[in-house]
């Protein structure tokens, strides 16, 4: 199994081997890690575990933004612009489309 791991994992998991990814492999690895961490959010069994997993999603998202050269300020402006246009998720609306 190969997967992107946090920077300090080699200090704890010494049985594995590690390599620094070349630039062309980073974005696919970040996408896969985002999927992995999001799935862990879905599978979280406790409130504490849920918050921890959301933190992992945040860490991956932050790394992805940095990799793409997008500042958090710029990103949050884009998020706010979309929220202004389409709204947020505060009303918890569910849409149904009939076939």
Protein backbone atom coordinates (compact mmCIF):
# COMPACT_ATOMS: atom_id res chain seq x y z
CA UNK A 1 0.00 0.00 0.00
CA UNK A 2 1.24 3.47 -0.89
CA UNK A 3 -0.25 6.65 0.50
CA UNK A 4 0.63 10.19 1.39
CA UNK A 5 1.46 10.56 5.08
CA UNK A 6 2.17 13.40 7.48
CA UNK A 7 5.74 14.67 7.66
CA UNK A 8 6.57 13.13 11.04
CA UNK A 9 5.12 9.66 10.40
CA UNK A 10 8.56 8.21 9.53
CA UNK A 11 9.58 8.92 13.14
CA UNK A 12 6.79 6.63 14.39
CA UNK A 13 6.27 4.03 11.68
CA UNK A 14 9.83 2.88 11.15
CA UNK A 15 8.89 -0.44 9.51
CA UNK A 16 7.88 1.29 6.26
CA UNK A 17 10.00 2.93 3.60
CA UNK A 18 9.46 6.52 2.50
CA UNK A 19 10.30 8.73 -0.43
CA UNK A 20 9.64 12.35 -1.21
CA UNK A 21 7.23 12.54 -4.12
CA UNK A 22 8.28 14.23 -7.34
CA UNK A 23 6.17 17.24 -8.27
CA UNK A 24 4.09 15.38 -10.87
CA UNK A 25 2.94 12.83 -8.27
CA UNK A 26 1.96 15.30 -5.56
CA UNK A 27 -1.43 16.46 -6.85
CA UNK A 28 -2.80 12.94 -7.45
CA UNK A 29 -1.52 11.94 -3.99
CA UNK A 30 -3.25 14.94 -2.41
CA UNK A 31 -6.51 14.10 -4.18
CA UNK A 32 -6.32 10.51 -2.99
CA UNK A 33 -5.52 11.63 0.55
CA UNK A 34 -8.48 14.00 0.53
CA UNK A 35 -10.75 11.12 -0.50
CA UNK A 36 -9.22 8.88 2.20
CA UNK A 37 -9.65 11.46 4.95
CA UNK A 38 -13.17 12.35 3.84
CA UNK A 39 -14.12 8.67 4.01
CA UNK A 40 -12.75 8.58 7.55
CA UNK A 41 -15.06 11.50 8.40
CA UNK A 42 -18.00 9.47 7.10
CA UNK A 43 -16.92 6.45 9.16
CA UNK A 44 -16.16 8.33 12.41
CA UNK A 45 -17.89 6.65 15.36
CA UNK A 46 -17.52 9.31 18.04
CA UNK A 47 -17.71 13.09 18.19
CA UNK A 48 -14.02 13.29 19.14
CA UNK A 49 -13.05 11.03 16.25
CA UNK A 50 -15.20 13.10 13.88
CA UNK A 51 -13.46 16.32 14.91
CA UNK A 52 -10.05 14.66 14.58
CA UNK A 53 -10.88 13.44 11.08
CA UNK A 54 -12.22 16.85 10.06
CA UNK A 55 -8.88 18.23 11.24
CA UNK A 56 -7.13 15.78 8.94
CA UNK A 57 -9.28 16.95 6.02
CA UNK A 58 -8.35 20.53 6.91
CA UNK A 59 -4.63 19.64 6.98
CA UNK A 60 -4.82 18.02 3.54
CA UNK A 61 -6.81 20.94 2.15
CA UNK A 62 -4.25 23.38 3.56
CA UNK A 63 -1.40 21.39 1.99
CA UNK A 64 -3.25 21.27 -1.33
CA UNK A 65 -3.79 25.03 -1.35
CA UNK A 66 -0.12 25.60 -0.56
CA UNK A 67 0.91 23.21 -3.34
CA UNK A 68 -1.30 25.10 -5.80
CA UNK A 69 0.10 28.44 -4.64
CA UNK A 70 -3.24 29.67 -3.30
CA UNK A 71 -3.13 31.60 -0.04
CA UNK A 72 -5.74 30.91 2.61
CA UNK A 73 -6.85 34.53 2.28
CA UNK A 74 -7.37 34.15 -1.48
CA UNK A 75 -9.14 30.83 -0.97
CA UNK A 76 -11.48 32.24 1.67
CA UNK A 77 -12.34 35.15 -0.63
CA UNK A 78 -13.32 32.65 -3.34
CA UNK A 79 -15.38 30.70 -0.81
CA UNK A 80 -17.12 33.90 0.31
CA UNK A 81 -17.86 34.90 -3.28
CA UNK A 82 -19.50 31.56 -3.97
CA UNK A 83 -21.41 31.74 -0.68
CA UNK A 84 -22.70 35.20 -1.59
CA UNK A 85 -23.87 33.90 -4.97
CA UNK A 86 -25.24 30.44 -4.08
CA UNK A 87 -25.55 30.60 -0.30
CA UNK A 88 -23.96 28.45 2.34
CA UNK A 89 -25.08 25.26 4.01
CA UNK A 90 -26.79 26.82 7.02
CA UNK A 91 -30.36 25.80 6.17
CA UNK A 92 -29.45 22.14 5.53
CA UNK A 93 -31.62 21.97 2.42
CA UNK A 94 -32.02 18.67 0.59
CA UNK A 95 -32.89 18.77 -3.10
CA UNK A 96 -34.86 16.03 -4.82
CA UNK A 97 -34.95 15.71 -8.59
CA UNK A 98 -37.56 13.40 -10.01
CA UNK A 99 -36.48 11.15 -12.88
